[in-house]
C-alpha atoms as a PDB file:
ATOM      1  CA  MET A   1     -13.116 -29.336   0.261  1.00  0.00           C
ATOM      2  CA  ALA A   2      -9.742 -29.321  -1.155  1.00  0.00           C
ATOM      3  CA  GLN A   3      -6.954 -30.495   0.978  1.00  0.00           C
ATOM      4  CA  ARG A   4      -4.490 -27.896   2.255  1.00  0.00           C
ATOM      5  CA  LYS A   5      -1.063 -28.250   0.928  1.00  0.00           C
ATOM      6  CA  ARG A   6       1.597 -28.260   3.693  1.00  0.00           C
ATOM      7  CA  PRO A   7       4.276 -25.599   3.196  1.00  0.00           C
ATOM      8  CA  SER A   8       7.337 -27.024   1.576  1.00  0.00           C
ATOM      9  CA  GLY A   9      10.637 -27.194   3.571  1.00  0.00           C
ATOM     10  CA  ARG A  10      11.998 -29.392   6.306  1.00  0.00           C
ATOM     11  CA  GLY A  11       9.418 -29.926   8.967  1.00  0.00           C
ATOM     12  CA  TYR A  12       9.164 -32.242  11.932  1.00  0.00           C
ATOM     13  CA  GLY A  13       7.932 -35.813  11.809  1.00  0.00           C
ATOM     14  CA  LYS A  14       4.552 -36.853  13.147  1.00  0.00           C
ATOM     15  CA  GLY A  15       6.148 -38.364  16.297  1.00  0.00           C
ATOM     16  CA  ALA A  16       8.175 -35.147  17.123  1.00  0.00           C
ATOM     17  CA  ARG A  17       4.871 -33.094  16.685  1.00  0.00           C
ATOM     18  CA  LYS A  18       3.141 -35.356  19.113  1.00  0.00           C
ATOM     19  CA  THR A  19       5.854 -35.146  21.733  1.00  0.00           C
ATOM     20  CA  VAL A  20       6.041 -31.362  21.560  1.00  0.00           C
ATOM     21  CA  ALA A  21       2.256 -31.139  21.719  1.00  0.00           C
ATOM     22  CA  SER A  22       2.323 -33.408  24.804  1.00  0.00           C
ATOM     23  CA  ALA A  23       5.037 -31.121  26.351  1.00  0.00           C
ATOM     24  CA  MET A  24       2.951 -28.050  25.699  1.00  0.00           C
ATOM     25  CA  ARG A  25      -0.091 -29.768  27.418  1.00  0.00           C
ATOM     26  CA  ARG A  26       2.044 -30.629  30.428  1.00  0.00           C
ATOM     27  CA  LYS A  27       3.444 -27.002  30.630  1.00  0.00           C
ATOM     28  CA  LYS A  28      -0.124 -25.806  30.543  1.00  0.00           C
ATOM     29  CA  ASN A  29      -1.050 -28.122  33.421  1.00  0.00           C
ATOM     30  CA  GLY A  30       1.988 -27.140  35.404  1.00  0.00           C
ATOM     31  CA  THR A  31       3.499 -30.540  35.357  1.00  0.00           C
ATOM     32  CA  LEU A  32       6.451 -30.026  33.030  1.00  0.00           C
ATOM     33  CA  GLY A  33       9.689 -29.670  34.746  1.00  0.00           C
ATOM     34  CA  SER A  34      13.145 -29.126  33.476  1.00  0.00           C
ATOM     35  CA  ASP A  35      14.641 -32.371  34.782  1.00  0.00           C
ATOM     36  CA  LYS A  36      13.985 -36.071  33.832  1.00  0.00           C
ATOM     37  CA  ARG A  37      11.377 -36.578  36.602  1.00  0.00           C
ATOM     38  CA  GLY A  38       9.662 -33.224  35.999  1.00  0.00           C
ATOM     39  CA  GLU A  39      10.415 -32.041  39.475  1.00  0.00           C
ATOM     40  CA  ALA A  40      13.064 -29.239  39.115  1.00  0.00           C
ATOM     41  CA  GLY A  41      12.105 -25.746  38.179  1.00  0.00           C
ATOM     42  CA  LYS A  42       8.655 -25.581  36.646  1.00  0.00           C
ATOM     43  CA  VAL A  43       8.819 -24.351  33.035  1.00  0.00           C
ATOM     44  CA  LYS A  44       7.223 -21.024  32.472  1.00  0.00           C
ATOM     45  CA  SER A  45       8.420 -20.150  28.863  1.00  0.00           C
ATOM     46  CA  ARG A  46       6.719 -21.422  25.829  1.00  0.00           C
ATOM     47  CA  ASN A  47      10.120 -21.804  23.992  1.00  0.00           C
ATOM     48  CA  GLN A  48      11.562 -23.847  26.786  1.00  0.00           C
ATOM     49  CA  ALA A  49       8.551 -26.168  26.627  1.00  0.00           C
ATOM     50  CA  ILE A  50       9.131 -26.709  22.971  1.00  0.00           C
ATOM     51  CA  ALA A  51      12.896 -27.319  23.375  1.00  0.00           C
ATOM     52  CA  ILE A  52      12.023 -29.952  26.005  1.00  0.00           C
ATOM     53  CA  GLY A  53       9.642 -31.534  23.717  1.00  0.00           C
ATOM     54  CA  LEU A  54      12.114 -31.697  20.849  1.00  0.00           C
ATOM     55  CA  SER A  55      14.615 -33.132  23.162  1.00  0.00           C
ATOM     56  CA  GLN A  56      12.515 -35.850  24.351  1.00  0.00           C
ATOM     57  CA  ALA A  57      11.566 -36.589  20.752  1.00  0.00           C
ATOM     58  CA  ARG A  58      15.294 -36.846  19.715  1.00  0.00           C
ATOM     59  CA  LYS A  59      15.764 -39.309  22.461  1.00  0.00           C
ATOM     60  CA  LYS A  60      12.948 -41.459  21.122  1.00  0.00           C
ATOM     61  CA  GLY A  61      14.450 -41.364  17.623  1.00  0.00           C
ATOM     62  CA  ALA A  62      11.799 -39.098  15.942  1.00  0.00           C
ATOM     63  CA  LYS A  63      12.616 -37.222  12.614  1.00  0.00           C
ATOM     64  CA  ILE A  64      14.052 -33.947  13.561  1.00  0.00           C
ATOM     65  CA  ARG A  65      16.659 -31.618  12.223  1.00  0.00           C
ATOM     66  CA  SER A  66      19.911 -31.694  14.174  1.00  0.00           C
ATOM     67  CA  LYS A  67      20.612 -28.686  16.447  1.00  0.00           C
ATOM     68  CA  ARG A  68      23.321 -27.343  14.210  1.00  0.00           C
ATOM     69  CA  GLU A  69      20.961 -27.254  11.009  1.00  0.00           C
ATOM     70  CA  ALA A  70      18.254 -25.577  12.967  1.00  0.00           C
ATOM     71  CA  ALA A  71      20.502 -22.759  14.219  1.00  0.00           C
END
């Protein structure tokens, strides 16, 4: 089968995608919190989980657009 072409434009790097996927799994399991230890308020919103994942990826140095560019 032919390989699918990724849509052009600025996407996130592989490390960032993995971090966001991990955050989404932790949200689904109920272990994703809004503080560093994951103990504060449990995350209920999908968008909040994505934001936490992107924030963690930024701290790790993954390839992500800056907050200003994305807005």
